[in-house]
Amino acid sequence: MQLDLSGHHVEVTESMRGYVLKRFERISRHFEQVIDIHCVLTVEKKERHKAEATLMMRGNKIYADATESNMYAAIDALADKLDRCVKKHKEKASDHHAVDVIKARSAAS
């Protein structure tokens, strides 16, 4: 997984970068096929902190954003949204009927 982290009207510090990496590790644990993550941290009007990210994976892109009063809270909310989206994508991609086919073949044998 390659992370591209940038800031808009905010300086991205090493602690922010480490926090984003720590929060996005959970996503890579749930779905190993994430190729690239592009994350942008933005400060709007001094009270609105926005975090947005695009996950590129084989055959699909997932976009999410979160706005909070604190940058770390926005990163947390963003990671939670992306985690839910990745789980949903993984659930759609898996074949739920494969177990039934295997049982039918073993019963026929």
C-alpha atoms as a PDB file:
ATOM      1  CA  MET A   1       0.000   0.000   0.000  1.00  0.00           C
ATOM      2  CA  GLN A   2       1.387   3.355  -1.038  1.00  0.00           C
ATOM      3  CA  LEU A   3       0.166   6.447   0.830  1.00  0.00           C
ATOM      4  CA  ASP A   4       0.255   9.905  -0.756  1.00  0.00           C
ATOM      5  CA  LEU A   5      -0.508  12.458   1.974  1.00  0.00           C
ATOM      6  CA  SER A   6      -0.775  16.173   1.275  1.00  0.00           C
ATOM      7  CA  GLY A   7      -2.088  19.237   3.067  1.00  0.00           C
ATOM      8  CA  HIS A   8      -4.085  22.194   1.844  1.00  0.00           C
ATOM      9  CA  HIS A   9      -3.722  25.282   4.073  1.00  0.00           C
ATOM     10  CA  VAL A  10      -2.098  23.056   6.712  1.00  0.00           C
ATOM     11  CA  GLU A  11       1.412  21.800   7.340  1.00  0.00           C
ATOM     12  CA  VAL A  12       1.475  18.007   7.454  1.00  0.00           C
ATOM     13  CA  THR A  13       3.667  17.117  10.420  1.00  0.00           C
ATOM     14  CA  GLU A  14       5.324  13.783  11.126  1.00  0.00           C
ATOM     15  CA  SER A  15       2.855  13.117  13.933  1.00  0.00           C
ATOM     16  CA  MET A  16      -0.084  13.620  11.535  1.00  0.00           C
ATOM     17  CA  ARG A  17       1.566  11.384   8.944  1.00  0.00           C
ATOM     18  CA  GLY A  18       2.149   8.688  11.563  1.00  0.00           C
ATOM     19  CA  TYR A  19      -1.425   8.963  12.816  1.00  0.00           C
ATOM     20  CA  VAL A  20      -2.840   8.604   9.295  1.00  0.00           C
ATOM     21  CA  LEU A  21      -0.627   5.571   8.654  1.00  0.00           C
ATOM     22  CA  LYS A  22      -1.729   3.990  11.933  1.00  0.00           C
ATOM     23  CA  ARG A  23      -5.421   4.531  11.184  1.00  0.00           C
ATOM     24  CA  PHE A  24      -5.139   3.255   7.587  1.00  0.00           C
ATOM     25  CA  GLU A  25      -3.392   0.040   8.674  1.00  0.00           C
ATOM     26  CA  ARG A  26      -6.796  -1.243   9.753  1.00  0.00           C
ATOM     27  CA  ILE A  27      -8.054  -0.861   6.191  1.00  0.00           C
ATOM     28  CA  SER A  28      -5.149  -2.835   4.785  1.00  0.00           C
ATOM     29  CA  ARG A  29      -5.795  -5.595   7.341  1.00  0.00           C
ATOM     30  CA  HIS A  30      -9.395  -5.973   6.148  1.00  0.00           C
ATOM     31  CA  PHE A  31      -8.563  -5.822   2.447  1.00  0.00           C
ATOM     32  CA  GLU A  32      -5.084  -6.627   1.176  1.00  0.00           C
ATOM     33  CA  GLN A  33      -5.603  -5.515  -2.424  1.00  0.00           C
ATOM     34  CA  VAL A  34      -5.419  -1.751  -1.805  1.00  0.00           C
ATOM     35  CA  ILE A  35      -2.854  -0.399  -4.271  1.00  0.00           C
ATOM     36  CA  ASP A  36      -2.699   3.314  -3.542  1.00  0.00           C
ATOM     37  CA  ILE A  37      -4.239   5.841  -1.142  1.00  0.00           C
ATOM     38  CA  HIS A  38      -4.322   9.562  -1.895  1.00  0.00           C
ATOM     39  CA  CYS A  39      -5.229  11.576   1.215  1.00  0.00           C
ATOM     40  CA  VAL A  40      -5.676  15.358   1.469  1.00  0.00           C
ATOM     41  CA  LEU A  41      -5.950  17.203   4.794  1.00  0.00           C
ATOM     42  CA  THR A  42      -7.569  20.646   4.580  1.00  0.00           C
ATOM     43  CA  VAL A  43      -8.339  23.465   7.004  1.00  0.00           C
ATOM     44  CA  GLU A  44     -11.301  25.661   6.074  1.00  0.00           C
ATOM     45  CA  LYS A  45     -12.152  28.829   8.029  1.00  0.00           C
ATOM     46  CA  LYS A  46      -9.986  27.776  11.018  1.00  0.00           C
ATOM     47  CA  GLU A  47     -12.764  25.707  12.593  1.00  0.00           C
ATOM     48  CA  ARG A  48     -13.508  23.151   9.899  1.00  0.00           C
ATOM     49  CA  HIS A  49     -10.905  20.458   9.450  1.00  0.00           C
ATOM     50  CA  LYS A  50     -11.519  18.209   6.477  1.00  0.00           C
ATOM     51  CA  ALA A  51      -9.873  14.905   5.590  1.00  0.00           C
ATOM     52  CA  GLU A  52     -10.579  13.223   2.270  1.00  0.00           C
ATOM     53  CA  ALA A  53      -9.106  10.139   0.667  1.00  0.00           C
ATOM     54  CA  THR A  54      -9.327   8.065  -2.489  1.00  0.00           C
ATOM     55  CA  LEU A  55      -8.444   4.374  -2.351  1.00  0.00           C
ATOM     56  CA  MET A  56      -7.347   2.793  -5.600  1.00  0.00           C
ATOM     57  CA  MET A  57      -7.742  -0.936  -5.809  1.00  0.00           C
ATOM     58  CA  ARG A  58      -7.921  -3.391  -8.624  1.00  0.00           C
ATOM     59  CA  GLY A  59     -11.043  -2.554 -10.599  1.00  0.00           C
ATOM     60  CA  ASN A  60     -12.467   0.078  -8.270  1.00  0.00           C
ATOM     61  CA  LYS A  61     -11.937   3.437  -6.566  1.00  0.00           C
ATOM     62  CA  ILE A  62     -13.426   4.374  -3.209  1.00  0.00           C
ATOM     63  CA  TYR A  63     -13.746   8.020  -2.139  1.00  0.00           C
ATOM     64  CA  ALA A  64     -14.695   9.321   1.303  1.00  0.00           C
ATOM     65  CA  ASP A  65     -14.397  12.576   3.203  1.00  0.00           C
ATOM     66  CA  ALA A  66     -15.035  13.747   6.762  1.00  0.00           C
ATOM     67  CA  THR A  67     -15.304  17.182   8.354  1.00  0.00           C
ATOM     68  CA  GLU A  68     -14.802  17.775  12.083  1.00  0.00           C
ATOM     69  CA  SER A  69     -13.661  20.551  14.416  1.00  0.00           C
ATOM     70  CA  ASN A  70     -10.350  18.749  15.091  1.00  0.00           C
ATOM     71  CA  MET A  71      -8.000  17.301  12.439  1.00  0.00           C
ATOM     72  CA  TYR A  72      -7.390  14.078  14.357  1.00  0.00           C
ATOM     73  CA  ALA A  73     -11.157  13.570  14.770  1.00  0.00           C
ATOM     74  CA  ALA A  74     -11.593  14.127  11.029  1.00  0.00           C
ATOM     75  CA  ILE A  75      -8.914  11.498  10.312  1.00  0.00           C
ATOM     76  CA  ASP A  76     -10.679   9.063  12.669  1.00  0.00           C
ATOM     77  CA  ALA A  77     -14.040   9.639  10.984  1.00  0.00           C
ATOM     78  CA  LEU A  78     -12.456   9.263   7.545  1.00  0.00           C
ATOM     79  CA  ALA A  79     -10.793   5.978   8.499  1.00  0.00           C
ATOM     80  CA  ASP A  80     -14.097   4.645   9.848  1.00  0.00           C
ATOM     81  CA  LYS A  81     -15.934   5.585   6.645  1.00  0.00           C
ATOM     82  CA  LEU A  82     -13.268   4.029   4.446  1.00  0.00           C
ATOM     83  CA  ASP A  83     -13.254   0.884   6.561  1.00  0.00           C
ATOM     84  CA  ARG A  84     -17.022   0.500   6.128  1.00  0.00           C
ATOM     85  CA  CYS A  85     -16.742   1.076   2.372  1.00  0.00           C
ATOM     86  CA  VAL A  86     -13.917  -1.455   2.004  1.00  0.00           C
ATOM     87  CA  LYS A  87     -15.857  -4.067   3.988  1.00  0.00           C
ATOM     88  CA  LYS A  88     -18.898  -3.451   1.776  1.00  0.00           C
ATOM     89  CA  HIS A  89     -16.779  -3.766  -1.377  1.00  0.00           C
ATOM     90  CA  LYS A  90     -15.193  -6.979  -0.095  1.00  0.00           C
ATOM     91  CA  GLU A  91     -18.611  -8.401   0.755  1.00  0.00           C
ATOM     92  CA  LYS A  92     -19.921  -7.626  -2.742  1.00  0.00           C
ATOM     93  CA  ALA A  93     -16.861  -9.130  -4.399  1.00  0.00           C
ATOM     94  CA  SER A  94     -16.970 -12.429  -2.511  1.00  0.00           C
ATOM     95  CA  ASP A  95     -18.956 -15.351  -3.906  1.00  0.00           C
ATOM     96  CA  HIS A  96     -21.469 -16.439  -1.289  1.00  0.00           C
ATOM     97  CA  HIS A  97     -22.763 -19.348  -3.338  1.00  0.00           C
ATOM     98  CA  ALA A  98     -19.434 -21.180  -3.589  1.00  0.00           C
ATOM     99  CA  VAL A  99     -20.080 -23.033  -0.322  1.00  0.00           C
ATOM    100  CA  ASP A 100     -23.408 -24.329  -1.664  1.00  0.00           C
ATOM    101  CA  VAL A 101     -21.752 -25.583  -4.867  1.00  0.00           C
ATOM    102  CA  ILE A 102     -19.028 -27.403  -2.912  1.00  0.00           C
ATOM    103  CA  LYS A 103     -21.637 -29.054  -0.671  1.00  0.00           C
ATOM    104  CA  ALA A 104     -23.724 -30.094  -3.695  1.00  0.00           C
ATOM    105  CA  ARG A 105     -20.707 -31.638  -5.424  1.00  0.00           C
ATOM    106  CA  SER A 106     -19.650 -33.561  -2.330  1.00  0.00           C
ATOM    107  CA  ALA A 107     -23.221 -34.817  -1.793  1.00  0.00           C
ATOM    108  CA  ALA A 108     -23.428 -35.974  -5.444  1.00  0.00           C
ATOM    109  CA  SER A 109     -20.182 -37.937  -5.187  1.00  0.00           C
END
